[in-house]
Amino acid sequence: MVRSAAIGRLLALAACTALFAGPLPAEDPTPAIVRLVRDCSRALQSGNAALFMGAFERRRYDRYQALREQITALTAQRRIASSVAAGPATGGPDEWHVSVDWLVELTPKLDPGPLERRRQTVVLRAAKRGGRWKFFDLEPLEFFAASRDD
């Protein structure tokens, strides 16, 4: 009997502690968002524009069509080596930003030509929709242009 009363008091204490401790901290979305960035990088390397664009939310991203045209042209015209180093996701709770040090090396597919190397910080905005992370903005869009006049 003494034992069950002690257990009851411990359970009540644990419940009060949980009640006053507040909500549990939200899970850090950085690993999932960084995984999505890496998937985009791999899609570029394999020349798969559709897979790259699958990471973007078509309805919410105003410049979706412009990005799709650029990525489609880039993957059609160039062999791409892509490397990314993403920082931590910031923001929340509904929208997150990630800065990515993105390096691409581009060579023409049809005729041998000079290697073009581009490196820039690309900022992506992400949100979780339907249990999956999607990007809904990317800056600067011009980084992925098939040809650039620098």
N, C-alpha and C. Protein backbone atom coordinates (compact mmCIF):
# COMPACT_ATOMS: atom_id res chain seq x y z
N MET A 1 0.83 -1.18 0.00
CA MET A 1 0.00 0.00 0.00
C MET A 1 0.88 1.25 0.00
N VAL A 2 1.92 1.28 0.80
CA VAL A 2 2.81 2.43 0.85
C VAL A 2 3.49 2.60 -0.50
N ARG A 3 3.81 1.46 -1.08
CA ARG A 3 4.50 1.49 -2.36
C ARG A 3 3.62 2.11 -3.45
N SER A 4 2.36 1.76 -3.54
CA SER A 4 1.47 2.29 -4.57
C SER A 4 1.20 3.78 -4.34
N ALA A 5 1.17 4.24 -3.08
CA ALA A 5 0.99 5.66 -2.80
C ALA A 5 2.22 6.44 -3.27
N ALA A 6 3.39 5.88 -3.08
CA ALA A 6 4.62 6.55 -3.52
C ALA A 6 4.67 6.62 -5.03
N ILE A 7 4.25 5.58 -5.69
CA ILE A 7 4.23 5.57 -7.15
C ILE A 7 3.23 6.60 -7.65
N GLY A 8 2.08 6.71 -6.99
CA GLY A 8 1.06 7.69 -7.36
C GLY A 8 1.58 9.11 -7.23
N ARG A 9 2.32 9.38 -6.14
CA ARG A 9 2.89 10.71 -5.96
C ARG A 9 3.94 11.01 -7.04
N LEU A 10 4.74 10.03 -7.38
CA LEU A 10 5.74 10.22 -8.43
C LEU A 10 5.09 10.51 -9.78
N LEU A 11 4.02 9.78 -10.08
CA LEU A 11 3.31 10.02 -11.34
C LEU A 11 2.69 11.42 -11.36
N ALA A 12 2.11 11.84 -10.24
CA ALA A 12 1.52 13.17 -10.17
C ALA A 12 2.60 14.24 -10.32
N LEU A 13 3.75 14.05 -9.71
CA LEU A 13 4.86 14.98 -9.83
C LEU A 13 5.35 15.05 -11.28
N ALA A 14 5.46 13.90 -11.93
CA ALA A 14 5.89 13.87 -13.32
C ALA A 14 4.89 14.60 -14.21
N ALA A 15 3.61 14.42 -13.97
CA ALA A 15 2.57 15.09 -14.77
C ALA A 15 2.64 16.59 -14.58
N CYS A 16 2.82 17.05 -13.34
CA CYS A 16 2.93 18.49 -13.08
C CYS A 16 4.18 19.07 -13.74
N THR A 17 5.27 18.36 -13.66
CA THR A 17 6.51 18.82 -14.29
C THR A 17 6.32 18.97 -15.78
N ALA A 18 5.70 17.98 -16.42
CA ALA A 18 5.45 18.04 -17.86
C ALA A 18 4.51 19.19 -18.20
N LEU A 19 3.53 19.43 -17.36
CA LEU A 19 2.56 20.49 -17.60
C LEU A 19 3.21 21.87 -17.57
N PHE A 20 4.08 22.09 -16.59
CA PHE A 20 4.70 23.39 -16.43
C PHE A 20 5.97 23.57 -17.27
N ALA A 21 6.48 22.50 -17.81
CA ALA A 21 7.70 22.60 -18.62
C ALA A 21 7.42 23.25 -19.97
N GLY A 22 6.18 23.23 -20.40
CA GLY A 22 5.82 23.84 -21.67
C GLY A 22 5.94 22.86 -22.81
N PRO A 23 5.71 23.34 -24.02
CA PRO A 23 5.74 22.45 -25.17
C PRO A 23 7.16 21.98 -25.47
N LEU A 24 7.24 20.84 -26.08
CA LEU A 24 8.54 20.33 -26.49
C LEU A 24 9.06 21.18 -27.65
N PRO A 25 10.35 21.38 -27.73
CA PRO A 25 10.88 22.17 -28.83
C PRO A 25 10.61 21.47 -30.16
N ALA A 26 10.37 22.26 -31.20
CA ALA A 26 10.11 21.71 -32.52
C ALA A 26 11.37 21.04 -33.04
N GLU A 27 11.17 20.04 -33.86
CA GLU A 27 12.30 19.32 -34.45
C GLU A 27 13.02 20.23 -35.43
N ASP A 28 14.34 20.17 -35.43
CA ASP A 28 15.15 20.98 -36.34
C ASP A 28 14.98 20.45 -37.76
N PRO A 29 14.50 21.31 -38.68
CA PRO A 29 14.28 20.85 -40.06
C PRO A 29 15.54 20.83 -40.91
N THR A 30 16.66 21.30 -40.37
CA THR A 30 17.88 21.41 -41.17
C THR A 30 18.26 20.11 -41.88
N PRO A 31 18.29 18.95 -41.22
CA PRO A 31 18.70 17.74 -41.95
C PRO A 31 17.80 17.42 -43.15
N ALA A 32 16.50 17.59 -43.00
CA ALA A 32 15.59 17.29 -44.11
C ALA A 32 15.74 18.28 -45.25
N ILE A 33 15.93 19.55 -44.93
CA ILE A 33 16.09 20.57 -45.96
C ILE A 33 17.43 20.40 -46.68
N VAL A 34 18.48 20.11 -45.94
CA VAL A 34 19.79 19.88 -46.54
C VAL A 34 19.74 18.65 -47.45
N ARG A 35 19.02 17.63 -47.05
CA ARG A 35 18.85 16.43 -47.88
C ARG A 35 18.18 16.81 -49.21
N LEU A 36 17.19 17.69 -49.16
CA LEU A 36 16.50 18.13 -50.37
C LEU A 36 17.45 18.94 -51.27
N VAL A 37 18.30 19.76 -50.67
CA VAL A 37 19.30 20.51 -51.44
C VAL A 37 20.23 19.52 -52.14
N ARG A 38 20.70 18.51 -51.43
CA ARG A 38 21.60 17.52 -52.03
C ARG A 38 20.91 16.74 -53.14
N ASP A 39 19.63 16.46 -52.96
CA ASP A 39 18.86 15.78 -54.03
C ASP A 39 18.83 16.65 -55.28
N CYS A 40 18.66 17.95 -55.12
CA CYS A 40 18.68 18.88 -56.26
C CYS A 40 20.04 18.85 -56.95
N SER A 41 21.10 18.86 -56.17
CA SER A 41 22.45 18.82 -56.72
C SER A 41 22.66 17.53 -57.52
N ARG A 42 22.24 16.40 -56.97
CA ARG A 42 22.37 15.13 -57.68
C ARG A 42 21.53 15.10 -58.96
N ALA A 43 20.35 15.70 -58.91
CA ALA A 43 19.50 15.76 -60.10
C ALA A 43 20.19 16.54 -61.22
N LEU A 44 20.85 17.64 -60.86
CA LEU A 44 21.59 18.41 -61.86
C LEU A 44 22.70 17.56 -62.47
N GLN A 45 23.45 16.87 -61.62
CA GLN A 45 24.56 16.05 -62.11
C GLN A 45 24.10 14.95 -63.04
N SER A 46 22.91 14.44 -62.81
CA SER A 46 22.39 13.37 -63.68
C SER A 46 21.65 13.94 -64.88
N GLY A 47 21.56 15.27 -64.97
CA GLY A 47 20.88 15.91 -66.09
C GLY A 47 19.37 15.75 -66.05
N ASN A 48 18.82 15.56 -64.87
CA ASN A 48 17.39 15.28 -64.71
C ASN A 48 16.65 16.54 -64.23
N ALA A 49 16.17 17.33 -65.18
CA ALA A 49 15.48 18.58 -64.86
C ALA A 49 14.18 18.31 -64.10
N ALA A 50 13.46 17.28 -64.47
CA ALA A 50 12.18 16.97 -63.81
C ALA A 50 12.39 16.62 -62.34
N LEU A 51 13.44 15.87 -62.05
CA LEU A 51 13.73 15.52 -60.66
C LEU A 51 14.12 16.76 -59.86
N PHE A 52 14.91 17.63 -60.46
CA PHE A 52 15.28 18.88 -59.80
C PHE A 52 14.03 19.69 -59.49
N MET A 53 13.16 19.85 -60.46
CA MET A 53 11.95 20.67 -60.28
C MET A 53 10.95 20.02 -59.33
N GLY A 54 11.05 18.73 -59.11
CA GLY A 54 10.18 18.05 -58.15
C GLY A 54 10.37 18.52 -56.73
N ALA A 55 11.48 19.21 -56.46
CA ALA A 55 11.75 19.74 -55.12
C ALA A 55 11.06 21.08 -54.89
N PHE A 56 10.41 21.62 -55.92
CA PHE A 56 9.80 22.94 -55.83
C PHE A 56 8.28 22.85 -55.89
N GLU A 57 7.66 23.71 -55.12
CA GLU A 57 6.20 23.76 -55.04
C GLU A 57 5.68 24.67 -56.17
N ARG A 58 5.08 24.05 -57.15
CA ARG A 58 4.65 24.76 -58.36
C ARG A 58 3.65 25.87 -58.06
N ARG A 59 2.66 25.62 -57.23
CA ARG A 59 1.60 26.61 -56.99
C ARG A 59 2.07 27.81 -56.18
N ARG A 60 3.01 27.60 -55.30
CA ARG A 60 3.44 28.68 -54.40
C ARG A 60 4.61 29.49 -54.93
N TYR A 61 5.38 28.90 -55.83
CA TYR A 61 6.59 29.56 -56.33
C TYR A 61 6.24 30.37 -57.57
N ASP A 62 6.26 31.69 -57.44
CA ASP A 62 5.87 32.60 -58.52
C ASP A 62 6.71 32.41 -59.78
N ARG A 63 7.97 32.14 -59.61
CA ARG A 63 8.87 32.03 -60.77
C ARG A 63 9.18 30.58 -61.13
N TYR A 64 8.28 29.69 -60.79
CA TYR A 64 8.46 28.26 -61.07
C TYR A 64 8.73 28.03 -62.55
N GLN A 65 7.92 28.60 -63.42
CA GLN A 65 8.06 28.39 -64.86
C GLN A 65 9.40 28.89 -65.37
N ALA A 66 9.84 30.04 -64.89
CA ALA A 66 11.13 30.58 -65.32
C ALA A 66 12.27 29.67 -64.88
N LEU A 67 12.21 29.17 -63.65
CA LEU A 67 13.25 28.24 -63.17
C LEU A 67 13.22 26.96 -63.99
N ARG A 68 12.03 26.44 -64.25
CA ARG A 68 11.91 25.20 -65.03
C ARG A 68 12.53 25.37 -66.42
N GLU A 69 12.27 26.50 -67.06
CA GLU A 69 12.85 26.74 -68.38
C GLU A 69 14.37 26.79 -68.31
N GLN A 70 14.90 27.46 -67.30
CA GLN A 70 16.36 27.56 -67.15
C GLN A 70 16.99 26.21 -66.86
N ILE A 71 16.41 25.46 -65.95
CA ILE A 71 16.97 24.15 -65.59
C ILE A 71 16.88 23.18 -66.77
N THR A 72 15.76 23.22 -67.48
CA THR A 72 15.59 22.36 -68.65
C THR A 72 16.64 22.67 -69.71
N ALA A 73 16.86 23.95 -69.99
CA ALA A 73 17.87 24.35 -70.98
C ALA A 73 19.27 23.99 -70.50
N LEU A 74 19.55 24.24 -69.23
CA LEU A 74 20.88 23.95 -68.68
C LEU A 74 21.20 22.46 -68.78
N THR A 75 20.27 21.61 -68.36
CA THR A 75 20.53 20.17 -68.39
C THR A 75 20.56 19.63 -69.82
N ALA A 76 19.87 20.29 -70.76
CA ALA A 76 19.89 19.85 -72.16
C ALA A 76 21.21 20.22 -72.85
N GLN A 77 21.78 21.34 -72.48
CA GLN A 77 22.94 21.86 -73.19
C GLN A 77 24.28 21.53 -72.54
N ARG A 78 24.28 21.25 -71.24
CA ARG A 78 25.55 21.12 -70.52
C ARG A 78 25.66 19.83 -69.72
N ARG A 79 26.88 19.35 -69.60
CA ARG A 79 27.20 18.34 -68.59
C ARG A 79 27.48 19.13 -67.32
N ILE A 80 26.96 18.65 -66.21
CA ILE A 80 27.01 19.44 -64.98
C ILE A 80 27.65 18.64 -63.85
N ALA A 81 28.64 19.24 -63.22
CA ALA A 81 29.16 18.75 -61.95
C ALA A 81 28.66 19.76 -60.91
N SER A 82 28.07 19.24 -59.84
CA SER A 82 27.45 20.12 -58.85
C SER A 82 27.89 19.73 -57.46
N SER A 83 28.20 20.74 -56.67
CA SER A 83 28.60 20.53 -55.28
C SER A 83 27.91 21.57 -54.41
N VAL A 84 27.39 21.14 -53.27
CA VAL A 84 26.67 22.06 -52.38
C VAL A 84 27.19 21.92 -50.95
N ALA A 85 27.18 23.05 -50.25
CA ALA A 85 27.46 23.09 -48.82
C ALA A 85 26.40 24.00 -48.22
N ALA A 86 25.45 23.39 -47.53
CA ALA A 86 24.31 24.13 -46.98
C ALA A 86 24.54 24.47 -45.52
N GLY A 87 24.14 25.68 -45.17
CA GLY A 87 24.19 26.11 -43.78
C GLY A 87 22.95 25.62 -43.05
N PRO A 88 22.80 26.00 -41.80
CA PRO A 88 21.62 25.59 -41.04
C PRO A 88 20.37 26.32 -41.52
N ALA A 89 19.25 25.66 -41.38
CA ALA A 89 17.97 26.28 -41.72
C ALA A 89 17.61 27.29 -40.63
N THR A 90 17.12 28.44 -41.04
CA THR A 90 16.69 29.46 -40.09
C THR A 90 15.25 29.85 -40.41
N GLY A 91 14.58 30.38 -39.42
CA GLY A 91 13.19 30.81 -39.62
C GLY A 91 12.26 30.02 -38.74
N GLY A 92 11.10 29.71 -39.30
CA GLY A 92 10.13 28.89 -38.60
C GLY A 92 8.96 29.69 -38.10
N PRO A 93 7.92 29.08 -37.65
CA PRO A 93 7.71 27.64 -37.69
C PRO A 93 7.21 27.16 -39.05
N ASP A 94 6.68 28.05 -39.88
CA ASP A 94 6.08 27.61 -41.14
C ASP A 94 7.00 27.75 -42.35
N GLU A 95 7.95 28.66 -42.31
CA GLU A 95 8.85 28.90 -43.42
C GLU A 95 10.29 28.90 -42.93
N TRP A 96 11.15 28.30 -43.73
CA TRP A 96 12.56 28.21 -43.37
C TRP A 96 13.41 28.67 -44.54
N HIS A 97 14.58 29.21 -44.24
CA HIS A 97 15.54 29.66 -45.24
C HIS A 97 16.82 28.86 -45.06
N VAL A 98 17.48 28.58 -46.16
CA VAL A 98 18.79 27.94 -46.08
C VAL A 98 19.69 28.59 -47.13
N SER A 99 20.90 28.94 -46.71
CA SER A 99 21.91 29.48 -47.62
C SER A 99 22.82 28.35 -48.05
N VAL A 100 23.03 28.27 -49.34
CA VAL A 100 23.81 27.17 -49.91
C VAL A 100 24.97 27.73 -50.72
N ASP A 101 26.16 27.30 -50.38
CA ASP A 101 27.33 27.61 -51.20
C ASP A 101 27.30 26.58 -52.33
N TRP A 102 26.92 27.03 -53.53
CA TRP A 102 26.68 26.11 -54.65
C TRP A 102 27.76 26.32 -55.70
N LEU A 103 28.39 25.23 -56.09
CA LEU A 103 29.41 25.25 -57.13
C LEU A 103 28.95 24.33 -58.26
N VAL A 104 28.94 24.86 -59.47
CA VAL A 104 28.67 24.03 -60.64
C VAL A 104 29.81 24.21 -61.63
N GLU A 105 30.16 23.12 -62.28
CA GLU A 105 31.11 23.14 -63.38
C GLU A 105 30.38 22.64 -64.60
N LEU A 106 30.39 23.46 -65.65
CA LEU A 106 29.59 23.20 -66.84
C LEU A 106 30.48 23.02 -68.06
N THR A 107 30.20 21.98 -68.84
CA THR A 107 30.86 21.78 -70.12
C THR A 107 29.79 21.52 -71.16
N PRO A 108 30.00 22.00 -72.38
CA PRO A 108 29.01 21.76 -73.44
C PRO A 108 28.86 20.27 -73.72
N LYS A 109 27.62 19.84 -74.01
CA LYS A 109 27.37 18.43 -74.32
C LYS A 109 27.78 18.08 -75.74
N LEU A 110 27.49 18.95 -76.69
CA LEU A 110 27.67 18.60 -78.10
C LEU A 110 29.09 18.80 -78.62
N ASP A 111 29.68 19.90 -78.34
CA ASP A 111 31.04 20.13 -78.83
C ASP A 111 31.95 20.43 -77.65
N PRO A 112 33.16 19.91 -77.71
CA PRO A 112 34.08 20.19 -76.61
C PRO A 112 34.31 21.69 -76.51
N GLY A 113 34.27 22.15 -75.34
CA GLY A 113 34.45 23.58 -75.12
C GLY A 113 35.06 23.81 -73.76
N PRO A 114 35.23 25.06 -73.42
CA PRO A 114 35.85 25.39 -72.14
C PRO A 114 34.93 25.05 -70.96
N LEU A 115 35.55 24.74 -69.88
CA LEU A 115 34.84 24.51 -68.63
C LEU A 115 34.40 25.85 -68.07
N GLU A 116 33.14 25.94 -67.68
CA GLU A 116 32.65 27.14 -67.01
C GLU A 116 32.38 26.78 -65.55
N ARG A 117 32.97 27.55 -64.67
CA ARG A 117 32.80 27.30 -63.24
C ARG A 117 32.01 28.45 -62.64
N ARG A 118 30.94 28.11 -61.93
CA ARG A 118 30.12 29.11 -61.24
C ARG A 118 30.06 28.73 -59.76
N ARG A 119 30.21 29.73 -58.94
CA ARG A 119 30.08 29.51 -57.49
C ARG A 119 29.38 30.72 -56.90
N GLN A 120 28.35 30.46 -56.12
CA GLN A 120 27.56 31.55 -55.55
C GLN A 120 26.77 31.04 -54.36
N THR A 121 26.39 31.96 -53.49
CA THR A 121 25.48 31.62 -52.40
C THR A 121 24.06 31.69 -52.95
N VAL A 122 23.37 30.59 -52.87
CA VAL A 122 21.99 30.48 -53.33
C VAL A 122 21.12 30.36 -52.08
N VAL A 123 20.08 31.16 -51.99
CA VAL A 123 19.18 31.12 -50.84
C VAL A 123 17.88 30.48 -51.27
N LEU A 124 17.48 29.46 -50.53
CA LEU A 124 16.25 28.74 -50.81
C LEU A 124 15.29 28.90 -49.64
N ARG A 125 14.02 29.03 -49.94
CA ARG A 125 12.99 29.09 -48.90
C ARG A 125 12.18 27.81 -48.99
N ALA A 126 11.94 27.20 -47.84
CA ALA A 126 11.27 25.89 -47.80
C ALA A 126 10.11 25.90 -46.82
N ALA A 127 9.16 25.02 -47.09
CA ALA A 127 8.04 24.80 -46.19
C ALA A 127 7.64 23.33 -46.30
N LYS A 128 7.04 22.84 -45.24
CA LYS A 128 6.58 21.45 -45.24
C LYS A 128 5.11 21.44 -45.63
N ARG A 129 4.80 20.71 -46.69
CA ARG A 129 3.43 20.60 -47.18
C ARG A 129 3.10 19.13 -47.37
N GLY A 130 2.04 18.70 -46.74
CA GLY A 130 1.64 17.31 -46.89
C GLY A 130 2.69 16.32 -46.42
N GLY A 131 3.43 16.70 -45.40
CA GLY A 131 4.44 15.81 -44.84
C GLY A 131 5.77 15.81 -45.57
N ARG A 132 5.90 16.60 -46.66
CA ARG A 132 7.14 16.65 -47.43
C ARG A 132 7.65 18.08 -47.51
N TRP A 133 8.95 18.23 -47.47
CA TRP A 133 9.57 19.54 -47.63
C TRP A 133 9.63 19.89 -49.10
N LYS A 134 9.32 21.15 -49.41
CA LYS A 134 9.39 21.67 -50.78
C LYS A 134 9.96 23.08 -50.72
N PHE A 135 10.66 23.45 -51.77
CA PHE A 135 11.14 24.82 -51.89
C PHE A 135 10.07 25.65 -52.59
N PHE A 136 9.97 26.92 -52.20
CA PHE A 136 9.02 27.79 -52.87
C PHE A 136 9.67 29.12 -53.29
N ASP A 137 10.99 29.20 -53.17
CA ASP A 137 11.70 30.36 -53.67
C ASP A 137 13.18 30.01 -53.77
N LEU A 138 13.86 30.65 -54.72
CA LEU A 138 15.28 30.45 -54.94
C LEU A 138 15.84 31.76 -55.46
N GLU A 139 16.93 32.20 -54.85
CA GLU A 139 17.63 33.43 -55.27
C GLU A 139 19.12 33.15 -55.32
N PRO A 140 19.84 33.56 -56.32
CA PRO A 140 19.39 34.20 -57.54
C PRO A 140 19.04 33.15 -58.59
N LEU A 141 17.97 33.36 -59.26
CA LEU A 141 17.49 32.47 -60.30
C LEU A 141 18.49 32.37 -61.45
N GLU A 142 19.19 33.46 -61.73
CA GLU A 142 20.12 33.52 -62.85
C GLU A 142 21.31 32.58 -62.71
N PHE A 143 21.57 32.11 -61.50
CA PHE A 143 22.69 31.19 -61.29
C PHE A 143 22.55 29.95 -62.17
N PHE A 144 21.31 29.53 -62.44
CA PHE A 144 21.06 28.32 -63.20
C PHE A 144 20.74 28.57 -64.68
N ALA A 145 21.05 29.76 -65.17
CA ALA A 145 20.82 30.06 -66.58
C ALA A 145 21.75 29.20 -67.45
N ALA A 146 21.24 28.78 -68.60
CA ALA A 146 22.05 27.94 -69.50
C ALA A 146 23.29 28.68 -69.97
N SER A 147 23.16 29.98 -70.22
CA SER A 147 24.32 30.79 -70.58
C SER A 147 24.21 32.12 -69.84
N ARG A 148 25.36 32.60 -69.43
CA ARG A 148 25.36 33.87 -68.67
C ARG A 148 26.32 34.83 -69.31
N ASP A 149 25.98 36.08 -69.25
CA ASP A 149 26.88 37.15 -69.69
C ASP A 149 27.37 37.86 -68.43
N ASP A 150 28.54 37.45 -67.95
CA ASP A 150 29.08 38.04 -66.71
C ASP A 150 29.85 39.30 -66.98
